[in-house]
């Protein structure tokens, strides 16, 4: 089993282990965060919190939306791009798109050390 296969299995296990209380709390928090985000749509921190909630409820589409907005707000931050790469590699099994985002993140990271 390769590295990415093992990582994928860990992610799958984490997703299936969400208990109902965690999911309920996340759903309640999502509602509040979305309302707050409507008034402050350029808040990276709110998007980050919302992204975490979508992890808890295993909503890949919404995770991608949050990460894309985060990347747009902070184009020199590799974190959302790294996360997008992992989503596409592991959850969506789309290595082309995963590679695209990983290369963008790597470029940002390499520029930080120059």
Protein backbone atom coordinates (compact mmCIF):
# COMPACT_ATOMS: atom_id res chain seq x y z
CA UNK A 1 0.00 0.00 0.00
CA UNK A 2 1.42 3.37 -1.03
CA UNK A 3 1.57 6.51 1.04
CA UNK A 4 -1.50 8.10 -0.56
CA UNK A 5 -3.49 4.88 -0.20
CA UNK A 6 -2.77 4.83 3.52
CA UNK A 7 -3.63 8.50 3.85
CA UNK A 8 -6.85 7.97 1.95
CA UNK A 9 -7.86 5.13 4.28
CA UNK A 10 -7.20 7.35 7.33
CA UNK A 11 -9.38 10.09 5.86
CA UNK A 12 -12.15 7.62 5.04
CA UNK A 13 -12.04 6.27 8.58
CA UNK A 14 -12.19 9.77 10.07
CA UNK A 15 -15.18 10.62 7.91
CA UNK A 16 -17.12 7.54 8.93
CA UNK A 17 -16.36 8.06 12.64
CA UNK A 18 -18.25 11.36 13.03
CA UNK A 19 -20.73 10.87 15.80
CA UNK A 20 -24.24 12.36 15.66
CA UNK A 21 -23.48 14.97 18.33
CA UNK A 22 -20.48 16.28 16.40
CA UNK A 23 -22.53 16.42 13.22
CA UNK A 24 -25.41 18.23 14.95
CA UNK A 25 -23.06 20.80 16.49
CA UNK A 26 -21.38 21.34 13.14
CA UNK A 27 -24.72 21.83 11.39
CA UNK A 28 -25.77 24.41 13.96
CA UNK A 29 -22.44 26.19 13.66
CA UNK A 30 -22.66 26.13 9.85
CA UNK A 31 -25.95 28.00 9.98
CA UNK A 32 -24.48 30.70 12.23
CA UNK A 33 -21.27 31.00 10.26
CA UNK A 34 -23.08 31.31 6.94
CA UNK A 35 -25.21 34.15 8.30
CA UNK A 36 -22.14 35.92 9.67
CA UNK A 37 -20.29 35.34 6.41
CA UNK A 38 -23.09 37.04 4.47
CA UNK A 39 -22.25 40.24 6.31
CA UNK A 40 -18.50 39.74 6.04
CA UNK A 41 -17.88 37.68 2.88
CA UNK A 42 -14.17 38.46 2.80
CA UNK A 43 -13.39 36.93 6.19
CA UNK A 44 -10.76 34.26 5.79
CA UNK A 45 -11.22 33.19 9.42
CA UNK A 46 -14.96 32.62 9.00
CA UNK A 47 -14.31 30.56 5.86
CA UNK A 48 -11.70 28.54 7.73
CA UNK A 49 -14.17 27.80 10.54
CA UNK A 50 -16.85 26.92 8.02
CA UNK A 51 -14.42 24.61 6.23
CA UNK A 52 -13.81 22.79 9.52
CA UNK A 53 -17.54 22.29 9.98
CA UNK A 54 -17.87 20.88 6.49
CA UNK A 55 -15.12 18.41 7.35
CA UNK A 56 -17.20 17.26 10.32
CA UNK A 57 -20.30 16.71 8.16
CA UNK A 58 -18.30 15.28 5.21
CA UNK A 59 -19.56 17.77 2.64
CA UNK A 60 -16.85 17.74 -0.02
CA UNK A 61 -18.56 20.23 -2.33
CA UNK A 62 -18.80 22.84 0.42
CA UNK A 63 -15.23 22.14 1.56
CA UNK A 64 -14.04 22.92 -1.96
CA UNK A 65 -16.10 26.12 -2.09
CA UNK A 66 -14.59 27.35 1.17
CA UNK A 67 -11.06 26.48 0.14
CA UNK A 68 -11.41 28.16 -3.26
CA UNK A 69 -12.67 31.35 -1.59
CA UNK A 70 -9.85 31.18 0.96
CA UNK A 71 -7.31 30.83 -1.85
CA UNK A 72 -8.85 33.81 -3.60
CA UNK A 73 -8.70 35.96 -0.46
CA UNK A 74 -5.10 35.01 0.35
CA UNK A 75 -3.40 34.10 -2.92
CA UNK A 76 0.00 33.73 -1.20
CA UNK A 77 -1.27 31.21 1.35
CA UNK A 78 -0.50 27.63 0.39
CA UNK A 79 -2.82 26.06 2.99
CA UNK A 80 -6.08 26.12 1.01
CA UNK A 81 -4.28 24.91 -2.10
CA UNK A 82 -2.68 22.03 -0.18
CA UNK A 83 -6.09 21.08 1.18
CA UNK A 84 -7.65 21.24 -2.29
CA UNK A 85 -4.89 19.01 -3.61
CA UNK A 86 -5.57 16.44 -0.89
CA UNK A 87 -9.32 16.54 -1.53
CA UNK A 88 -8.87 15.93 -5.23
CA UNK A 89 -6.26 13.21 -4.73
CA UNK A 90 -7.99 11.35 -1.92
CA UNK A 91 -11.71 12.01 -1.84
CA UNK A 92 -12.45 12.70 -5.48
CA UNK A 93 -9.74 10.51 -6.98
CA UNK A 94 -8.88 13.19 -9.52
CA UNK A 95 -5.07 13.19 -9.65
CA UNK A 96 -4.92 15.76 -12.45
CA UNK A 97 -6.70 18.40 -10.43
CA UNK A 98 -4.86 17.32 -7.28
CA UNK A 99 -1.56 17.80 -9.06
CA UNK A 100 -2.67 21.22 -10.33
CA UNK A 101 -3.40 22.50 -6.82
CA UNK A 102 -0.33 20.84 -5.33
CA UNK A 103 1.92 22.52 -7.90
CA UNK A 104 0.35 25.90 -7.10
CA UNK A 105 0.93 25.33 -3.38
CA UNK A 106 4.49 24.17 -3.98
CA UNK A 107 5.21 27.30 -6.02
CA UNK A 108 3.97 29.51 -3.16
CA UNK A 109 6.01 27.54 -0.63
CA UNK A 110 9.17 27.68 -2.75
CA UNK A 111 8.81 31.45 -3.19
CA UNK A 112 8.73 31.88 0.60
CA UNK A 113 12.22 30.45 0.90
CA UNK A 114 13.81 32.57 -1.80
